[in-house]
Amino acid sequence: MTGLDGRRIYLDWNATAPLRPEARAAMLAAMDVVGNPSSAHAEGRAAKAIVDKARGQVAALVGCAPDEVVFTSGATEGAGLVLGGAWDLIALPYFEHDCIEAAATRHPAAEVIRIPVDDDGYIPGTDFLSAFLPPADGKSALLCLQSVNGETGIEQNHFNTTFQADQIGYASLVDCVQYYGKRTTWDDVDRGRGPTFRLLSAHKLCCPKGIGALVLRPGVEVPAPVIGGGQEMGRRSGTENVIGIAGFGAAAEAAGRDLEVGVWDRVAKLRDDLENRLAAAAPDLIVFGKEAPRLPNTSCFAVPGWAGETQVMQMDLAGFAVSAGSACSSGKASKASRVLLAMGFDDVTASSAIRVSMGPTTAEAEVMAFAEAWIEHYRRRKSRAA
């Protein structure tokens, strides 16, 4: 028997979240609309209406105007649109997502400035910019920042930080992929003072993979990398993925309803119960970022010396899907987490971490079944070492 009652248990929501019924229904309906959104006839207008509706649904979730939402194939493309610009300075912490890290370090002209984090993965203090970043002084400067780290669930106060960046002449690119849908929009922050650019990926919101959005501050534009028909208000040419966009919009609207009724409070309790159960059985357990602001659904932990990849395989054979870090970084030669190394942990500890991430449909019995399976393997390992 594997998992729970003979069925597998999915605990890797931060990699990709299961499809929502609302998204599935919207996509199925969109499949029957034959028109191209750029066509002027009735069929084209019907397709365009689907795109426009979804744009409004996504805008409502993130707190922006519909014309500030640019649909992309995902956050990686959105990051490329921004980082492909003519930047002189690019500042970022050591543990940004690979799509930011790679684009920044390979920029043909920009000087890259690194920002340290404390042991909880949090940018220290509210005045760090004056300590670590030179004023732009007329240069084209960009600060890149995650609103939430996908491996540890640790949150940053990105609205406050990007407001500080404005004061010294930096534009800001915030990876909000794990943030929206799990946290509420900051309604008390004026849109004109928020991040310059925000990234979203729909499959983190229980929508299919291959659709996302770049959100622009009012009055800000990005260079269109592909010249074509001028879709997406001239910002991204190419016929729109109407089916994916329809699902994205429906998922965004449903995620907003979840936030209103507080479904993530129950998830946070499941996470805390899991960590308490594991810690009671494993006194050498480290829970990363436990004292820092964290997402309600994410637990990243390690027993130093017990390789994360080994744990993932053991749990997979036991019927549980978990990960050893970001899905975009899995399978690479280096098994040590860049995130944990940046937080000051050694190679052994950073190579021993696994991540459990859950969602509103995760059941308590599923989480406790995982805990018991993990503890059984932990005890076997201790017994062999004795």
Protein backbone atom coordinates (compact mmCIF):
# COMPACT_ATOMS: atom_id res chain seq x y z
CA MET A 1 0.00 0.00 0.00
CA THR A 2 1.25 3.49 -0.81
CA GLY A 3 0.23 6.95 0.26
CA LEU A 4 -3.10 6.84 2.05
CA ASP A 5 -5.66 4.06 1.50
CA GLY A 6 -3.75 2.92 -1.56
CA ARG A 7 -3.69 6.29 -3.33
CA ARG A 8 -0.82 8.68 -3.88
CA ILE A 9 -0.71 11.97 -1.95
CA TYR A 10 0.40 15.15 -3.68
CA LEU A 11 2.33 17.54 -1.41
CA ASP A 12 4.20 19.63 -3.99
CA TRP A 13 1.83 22.54 -4.57
CA ASN A 14 4.62 25.09 -4.84
CA ALA A 15 5.97 23.28 -7.90
CA THR A 16 2.57 23.22 -9.57
CA ALA A 17 -0.90 23.23 -8.07
CA PRO A 18 -3.70 20.82 -9.06
CA LEU A 19 -6.20 22.11 -11.62
CA ARG A 20 -9.20 23.89 -10.12
CA PRO A 21 -12.70 22.88 -11.31
CA GLU A 22 -13.42 26.55 -12.14
CA ALA A 23 -10.35 26.71 -14.40
CA ARG A 24 -11.22 23.44 -16.10
CA ALA A 25 -14.79 24.61 -16.81
CA ALA A 26 -13.59 27.94 -18.23
CA MET A 27 -11.07 26.21 -20.47
CA LEU A 28 -13.55 23.70 -21.77
CA ALA A 29 -15.94 26.52 -22.65
CA ALA A 30 -13.14 28.43 -24.40
CA MET A 31 -12.31 25.40 -26.52
CA ASP A 32 -15.66 25.80 -28.26
CA VAL A 33 -14.92 29.42 -29.26
CA VAL A 34 -13.29 29.23 -32.66
CA GLY A 35 -12.41 32.88 -33.32
CA ASN A 36 -9.06 34.65 -33.21
CA PRO A 37 -9.16 37.54 -30.67
CA SER A 38 -7.71 39.87 -33.33
CA SER A 39 -10.50 39.17 -35.83
CA ALA A 40 -13.28 41.73 -36.21
CA HIS A 41 -16.14 39.30 -36.82
CA ALA A 42 -18.48 37.91 -34.19
CA GLU A 43 -16.37 34.81 -33.56
CA GLY A 44 -13.26 36.93 -33.06
CA ARG A 45 -15.09 39.28 -30.73
CA ALA A 46 -16.24 36.29 -28.67
CA ALA A 47 -12.65 35.14 -28.25
CA LYS A 48 -11.53 38.66 -27.38
CA ALA A 49 -14.28 38.89 -24.77
CA ILE A 50 -12.81 35.79 -23.06
CA VAL A 51 -9.36 37.40 -22.97
CA ASP A 52 -10.73 40.71 -21.70
CA LYS A 53 -12.75 39.03 -18.97
CA ALA A 54 -9.72 37.05 -17.79
CA ARG A 55 -7.56 40.17 -17.82
CA GLY A 56 -10.03 41.81 -15.47
CA GLN A 57 -10.12 38.74 -13.21
CA VAL A 58 -6.33 38.66 -12.88
CA ALA A 59 -6.20 42.43 -12.33
CA ALA A 60 -8.74 42.14 -9.51
CA LEU A 61 -6.59 39.55 -7.72
CA VAL A 62 -3.35 41.53 -7.92
CA GLY A 63 -4.86 44.99 -7.40
CA CYS A 64 -4.14 46.72 -10.71
CA ALA A 65 -5.98 48.03 -13.75
CA PRO A 66 -6.74 45.50 -16.52
CA ASP A 67 -4.56 47.29 -19.06
CA GLU A 68 -1.55 46.78 -16.77
CA VAL A 69 -1.76 42.97 -17.19
CA VAL A 70 0.28 41.46 -20.04
CA PHE A 71 -0.37 37.77 -20.66
CA THR A 72 2.79 35.70 -21.20
CA SER A 73 3.72 32.02 -21.31
CA GLY A 74 4.78 32.24 -17.65
CA ALA A 75 6.95 34.10 -15.19
CA THR A 76 10.18 33.15 -16.99
CA GLU A 77 9.08 34.95 -20.13
CA GLY A 78 7.92 37.94 -18.12
CA ALA A 79 11.31 38.12 -16.40
CA GLY A 80 12.99 37.97 -19.77
CA LEU A 81 10.89 40.85 -21.08
CA VAL A 82 12.03 43.04 -18.18
CA LEU A 83 15.64 41.91 -17.79
CA GLY A 84 16.22 42.14 -21.51
CA GLY A 85 16.10 45.92 -21.18
CA ALA A 86 19.03 48.32 -21.27
CA TRP A 87 19.98 48.20 -17.59
CA ASP A 88 23.21 49.62 -16.20
CA LEU A 89 22.75 48.18 -12.69
CA ILE A 90 20.85 45.05 -11.59
CA ALA A 91 20.61 44.37 -7.84
CA LEU A 92 19.33 41.08 -6.41
CA PRO A 93 19.73 38.77 -3.40
CA TYR A 94 21.74 35.58 -3.77
CA PHE A 95 18.71 33.31 -3.95
CA GLU A 96 16.43 34.66 -6.65
CA HIS A 97 14.66 32.21 -8.94
CA ASP A 98 16.76 30.74 -11.75
CA CYS A 99 14.90 32.77 -14.40
CA ILE A 100 16.00 35.98 -12.64
CA GLU A 101 19.48 34.77 -11.68
CA ALA A 102 20.38 33.57 -15.16
CA ALA A 103 19.04 36.63 -16.98
CA ALA A 104 20.74 39.04 -14.58
CA THR A 105 24.16 37.38 -14.57
CA ARG A 106 24.16 37.01 -18.36
CA HIS A 107 23.08 40.56 -19.06
CA PRO A 108 25.55 41.91 -21.64
CA ALA A 109 26.11 45.29 -20.00
CA ALA A 110 24.71 45.56 -16.48
CA GLU A 111 26.77 45.58 -13.30
CA VAL A 112 25.29 43.00 -10.88
CA ILE A 113 25.05 43.99 -7.21
CA ARG A 114 24.31 41.34 -4.57
CA ILE A 115 22.14 41.92 -1.50
CA PRO A 116 22.75 39.71 1.57
CA VAL A 117 20.00 38.10 3.64
CA ASP A 118 19.94 37.12 7.31
CA ASP A 119 19.79 33.60 8.71
CA ASP A 120 16.01 33.54 8.33
CA GLY A 121 16.25 34.42 4.64
CA TYR A 122 14.94 37.91 5.25
CA ILE A 123 16.50 41.11 3.90
CA PRO A 124 17.79 42.71 7.10
CA GLY A 125 16.36 46.01 8.23
CA THR A 126 14.35 48.62 6.40
CA ASP A 127 17.37 50.75 5.56
CA PHE A 128 19.39 48.08 3.77
CA LEU A 129 19.23 49.91 0.45
CA SER A 130 21.31 52.80 1.73
CA ALA A 131 23.86 50.29 3.08
CA PHE A 132 24.17 48.00 0.07
CA LEU A 133 23.00 49.87 -3.02
CA PRO A 134 24.50 52.96 -4.59
CA PRO A 135 21.97 55.57 -5.76
CA ALA A 136 21.18 55.19 -9.43
CA ASP A 137 22.49 58.71 -10.17
CA GLY A 138 20.99 58.77 -13.63
CA LYS A 139 21.87 55.16 -14.49
CA SER A 140 19.19 52.68 -15.50
CA ALA A 141 18.91 50.56 -12.36
CA LEU A 142 16.71 47.58 -11.44
CA LEU A 143 16.12 45.86 -8.10
CA CYS A 144 14.95 42.22 -8.37
CA LEU A 145 13.19 40.68 -5.39
CA GLN A 146 11.00 37.70 -4.52
CA SER A 147 7.83 38.46 -2.63
CA VAL A 148 8.01 34.87 -1.35
CA ASN A 149 10.74 32.28 -1.66
CA GLY A 150 9.31 29.15 -3.23
CA GLU A 151 11.62 26.75 -1.37
CA THR A 152 11.27 28.01 2.20
CA GLY A 153 8.02 29.98 1.99
CA ILE A 154 9.77 32.98 3.58
CA GLU A 155 8.10 36.28 2.72
CA GLN A 156 9.60 39.71 2.11
CA ASN A 157 7.85 43.05 2.62
CA HIS A 158 8.24 43.74 -1.08
CA PHE A 159 5.97 46.77 -1.23
CA ASN A 160 7.99 48.61 1.41
CA THR A 161 11.29 47.57 -0.17
CA THR A 162 10.33 48.62 -3.68
CA PHE A 163 9.09 51.96 -2.35
CA GLN A 164 12.56 52.47 -0.87
CA ALA A 165 14.09 51.53 -4.21
CA ASP A 166 12.05 54.25 -5.89
CA GLN A 167 13.60 56.82 -3.60
CA ILE A 168 17.11 56.13 -4.91
CA GLY A 169 16.13 55.78 -8.56
CA TYR A 170 15.68 52.02 -8.98
CA ALA A 171 12.91 50.32 -10.90
CA SER A 172 11.74 47.08 -9.25
CA LEU A 173 10.94 43.60 -10.54
CA VAL A 174 9.10 41.46 -7.98
CA ASP A 175 8.58 37.73 -8.42
CA CYS A 176 5.03 37.31 -7.05
CA VAL A 177 4.58 33.77 -8.36
CA GLN A 178 4.04 32.19 -4.92
CA TYR A 179 2.41 35.26 -3.36
CA TYR A 180 -0.89 35.98 -5.08
CA GLY A 181 -3.61 33.49 -4.28
CA LYS A 182 -2.09 32.70 -0.90
CA ARG A 183 -1.78 36.24 0.46
CA THR A 184 -4.10 39.20 0.13
CA THR A 185 -3.36 42.26 -1.95
CA TRP A 186 -1.94 45.21 -0.02
CA ASP A 187 -4.99 47.45 -0.40
CA ASP A 188 -3.42 50.31 1.57
CA VAL A 189 -0.60 50.77 -0.95
CA ASP A 190 -1.26 53.14 -3.81
CA ARG A 191 -0.80 51.40 -7.16
CA GLY A 192 1.59 54.08 -8.33
CA ARG A 193 3.93 53.28 -5.41
CA GLY A 194 3.96 49.52 -5.86
CA PRO A 195 6.56 47.48 -7.76
CA THR A 196 7.42 48.60 -11.28
CA PHE A 197 7.01 45.05 -12.59
CA ARG A 198 5.36 41.96 -11.08
CA LEU A 199 5.56 38.35 -12.29
CA LEU A 200 2.80 35.75 -12.09
CA SER A 201 2.55 32.13 -13.20
CA ALA A 202 -0.90 30.60 -13.50
CA HIS A 203 -0.01 27.01 -12.64
CA LYS A 204 0.73 28.10 -9.06
CA LEU A 205 -2.95 29.18 -8.89
CA CYS A 206 -4.37 25.77 -9.85
CA CYS A 207 -4.36 26.53 -13.56
CA PRO A 208 -2.53 24.65 -16.36
CA LYS A 209 1.11 25.32 -17.09
CA GLY A 210 2.19 27.59 -19.93
CA ILE A 211 0.33 30.81 -19.09
CA GLY A 212 1.31 33.71 -16.84
CA ALA A 213 1.39 37.48 -16.65
CA LEU A 214 3.66 40.46 -16.35
CA VAL A 215 2.02 43.32 -14.43
CA LEU A 216 3.27 46.83 -15.20
CA ARG A 217 3.08 49.92 -13.04
CA PRO A 218 0.85 52.61 -14.64
CA GLY A 219 2.74 54.45 -17.36
CA VAL A 220 5.57 51.87 -17.59
CA GLU A 221 6.28 49.92 -20.78
CA VAL A 222 8.64 47.13 -21.82
CA PRO A 223 10.32 46.65 -25.19
CA ALA A 224 8.51 44.08 -27.31
CA PRO A 225 11.10 41.35 -28.08
CA VAL A 226 9.11 39.90 -30.97
CA ILE A 227 7.70 42.14 -33.69
CA GLY A 228 4.41 40.87 -35.03
CA GLY A 229 0.75 41.66 -34.90
CA GLY A 230 0.94 43.89 -31.84
CA GLN A 231 -1.14 41.71 -29.51
CA GLU A 232 -1.24 42.44 -25.78
CA MET A 233 -1.37 46.17 -26.42
CA GLY A 234 1.82 45.98 -28.47
CA ARG A 235 3.82 44.47 -25.61
CA ARG A 236 3.86 40.81 -26.71
CA SER A 237 3.03 39.84 -30.27
CA GLY A 238 1.58 36.46 -31.13
CA THR A 239 -1.93 35.06 -31.07
CA GLU A 240 -3.16 34.81 -27.50
CA ASN A 241 -3.51 31.45 -25.74
CA VAL A 242 -7.25 31.94 -25.27
CA ILE A 243 -7.84 28.61 -23.57
CA GLY A 244 -5.03 29.06 -21.05
CA ILE A 245 -5.99 32.69 -20.45
CA ALA A 246 -9.59 31.67 -19.74
CA GLY A 247 -8.42 29.17 -17.15
CA PHE A 248 -6.03 31.70 -15.62
CA GLY A 249 -8.82 34.23 -15.16
CA ALA A 250 -11.20 31.74 -13.61
CA ALA A 251 -8.50 30.44 -11.27
CA ALA A 252 -7.57 33.99 -10.21
CA GLU A 253 -11.18 34.82 -9.39
CA ALA A 254 -11.60 31.59 -7.40
CA ALA A 255 -8.34 32.26 -5.55
CA GLY A 256 -9.67 35.66 -4.53
CA ARG A 257 -12.79 34.03 -3.08
CA ASP A 258 -10.63 31.59 -1.13
CA LEU A 259 -8.75 34.49 0.42
CA GLU A 260 -11.98 36.18 1.44
CA VAL A 261 -13.22 33.13 3.35
CA GLY A 262 -9.84 32.33 4.95
CA VAL A 263 -9.17 28.85 3.56
CA TRP A 264 -5.42 29.25 4.07
CA ASP A 265 -5.83 29.50 7.84
CA ARG A 266 -6.68 25.80 7.92
CA VAL A 267 -3.67 25.05 5.70
CA ALA A 268 -1.37 26.97 8.06
CA LYS A 269 -2.59 24.81 10.95
CA LEU A 270 -1.83 21.66 8.92
CA ARG A 271 1.69 22.93 8.28
CA ASP A 272 2.23 23.69 11.97
CA ASP A 273 0.84 20.30 13.02
CA LEU A 274 3.16 18.57 10.56
CA GLU A 275 6.23 20.41 11.83
CA ASN A 276 5.34 19.71 15.46
CA ARG A 277 4.83 16.01 14.74
CA LEU A 278 8.15 15.69 12.92
CA ALA A 279 10.06 17.69 15.54
CA ALA A 280 8.70 15.49 18.34
CA ALA A 281 10.13 12.41 16.64
CA ALA A 282 13.33 13.97 15.25
CA PRO A 283 15.15 16.23 17.72
CA ASP A 284 17.83 17.04 15.10
CA LEU A 285 15.23 18.43 12.68
CA ILE A 286 15.81 21.96 11.33
CA VAL A 287 12.79 23.90 10.04
CA PHE A 288 14.02 26.73 7.84
CA GLY A 289 12.53 30.17 8.43
CA LYS A 290 10.31 28.96 11.24
CA GLU A 291 10.51 32.32 13.03
CA ALA A 292 10.24 34.41 9.87
CA PRO A 293 7.06 35.46 8.04
CA ARG A 294 6.14 32.43 5.91
CA LEU A 295 3.51 31.24 3.50
CA PRO A 296 0.79 29.23 5.25
CA ASN A 297 1.33 26.15 3.10
CA THR A 298 5.11 25.66 2.98
CA SER A 299 7.45 23.69 5.22
CA CYS A 300 11.12 23.28 4.33
CA PHE A 301 13.13 21.15 6.75
CA ALA A 302 16.24 19.00 7.05
CA VAL A 303 18.00 16.43 9.12
CA PRO A 304 21.65 17.23 8.35
CA GLY A 305 23.35 14.34 6.60
CA TRP A 306 20.15 12.72 5.28
CA ALA A 307 20.27 13.72 1.63
CA GLY A 308 17.21 15.53 0.36
CA GLU A 309 17.20 13.59 -2.91
CA THR A 310 17.22 10.33 -0.94
CA GLN A 311 14.24 11.46 1.10
CA VAL A 312 12.33 12.50 -2.02
CA MET A 313 12.86 9.06 -3.55
CA GLN A 314 11.91 7.28 -0.33
CA MET A 315 8.73 9.32 0.00
CA ASP A 316 7.92 8.81 -3.68
CA LEU A 317 8.14 5.04 -3.25
CA ALA A 318 5.92 5.39 -0.18
CA GLY A 319 3.31 7.23 -2.26
CA PHE A 320 4.00 10.88 -1.42
CA ALA A 321 5.05 13.60 -3.85
CA VAL A 322 7.39 16.13 -2.20
CA SER A 323 10.46 17.94 -3.51
CA ALA A 324 14.04 18.77 -2.62
CA GLY A 325 13.61 22.44 -3.56
CA SER A 326 12.43 24.51 -6.48
CA ALA A 327 11.16 22.39 -9.37
CA CYS A 328 13.18 24.57 -11.74
CA SER A 329 16.39 23.59 -9.93
CA SER A 330 15.75 19.86 -9.46
CA GLY A 331 17.94 17.31 -11.21
CA LYS A 332 21.00 19.55 -11.43
CA ALA A 333 24.48 18.35 -10.51
CA SER A 334 24.70 20.46 -7.36
CA LYS A 335 22.29 19.16 -4.74
CA ALA A 336 22.94 21.93 -2.22
CA SER A 337 20.17 24.53 -2.16
CA ARG A 338 21.33 27.99 -3.29
CA VAL A 339 18.67 29.44 -1.03
CA LEU A 340 19.91 27.73 2.11
CA LEU A 341 23.55 28.44 1.32
CA ALA A 342 22.66 32.13 1.01
CA MET A 343 21.04 31.91 4.45
CA GLY A 344 24.36 30.74 5.92
CA PHE A 345 23.80 26.97 6.17
CA ASP A 346 26.62 24.58 5.28
CA ASP A 347 26.70 22.28 2.24
CA VAL A 348 25.63 19.21 4.21
CA THR A 349 22.56 20.90 5.68
CA ALA A 350 21.69 22.64 2.42
CA SER A 351 21.83 19.27 0.65
CA SER A 352 19.55 17.61 3.22
CA ALA A 353 16.42 19.75 2.84
CA ILE A 354 13.07 18.73 1.50
CA ARG A 355 9.97 20.85 0.96
CA VAL A 356 6.38 19.93 1.70
CA SER A 357 3.79 22.27 0.21
CA MET A 358 0.05 21.83 0.41
CA GLY A 359 -3.19 23.56 -0.52
CA PRO A 360 -6.85 24.05 0.37
CA THR A 361 -7.85 20.53 -0.73
CA THR A 362 -5.10 18.82 1.30
CA ALA A 363 -6.60 16.72 4.08
CA GLU A 364 -5.30 16.36 7.62
CA ALA A 365 -5.17 12.58 7.20
CA GLU A 366 -2.92 12.99 4.16
CA VAL A 367 -0.46 15.21 6.02
CA MET A 368 -0.34 12.91 9.04
CA ALA A 369 0.14 9.87 6.78
CA PHE A 370 3.15 11.60 5.27
CA ALA A 371 4.47 12.40 8.74
CA GLU A 372 4.24 8.76 9.80
CA ALA A 373 5.97 7.55 6.61
CA TRP A 374 8.78 10.10 7.03
CA ILE A 375 9.24 9.24 10.71
CA GLU A 376 9.42 5.53 9.89
CA HIS A 377 12.28 6.17 7.44
CA TYR A 378 13.95 8.52 9.92
CA ARG A 379 13.91 5.82 12.63
CA ARG A 380 15.25 3.20 10.22
CA ARG A 381 18.12 5.50 9.33
CA LYS A 382 18.91 6.14 13.00
CA SER A 383 18.77 2.44 13.74
CA ARG A 384 21.25 1.62 10.97
CA ALA A 385 23.60 4.33 12.20
CA ALA A 386 23.52 3.07 15.79
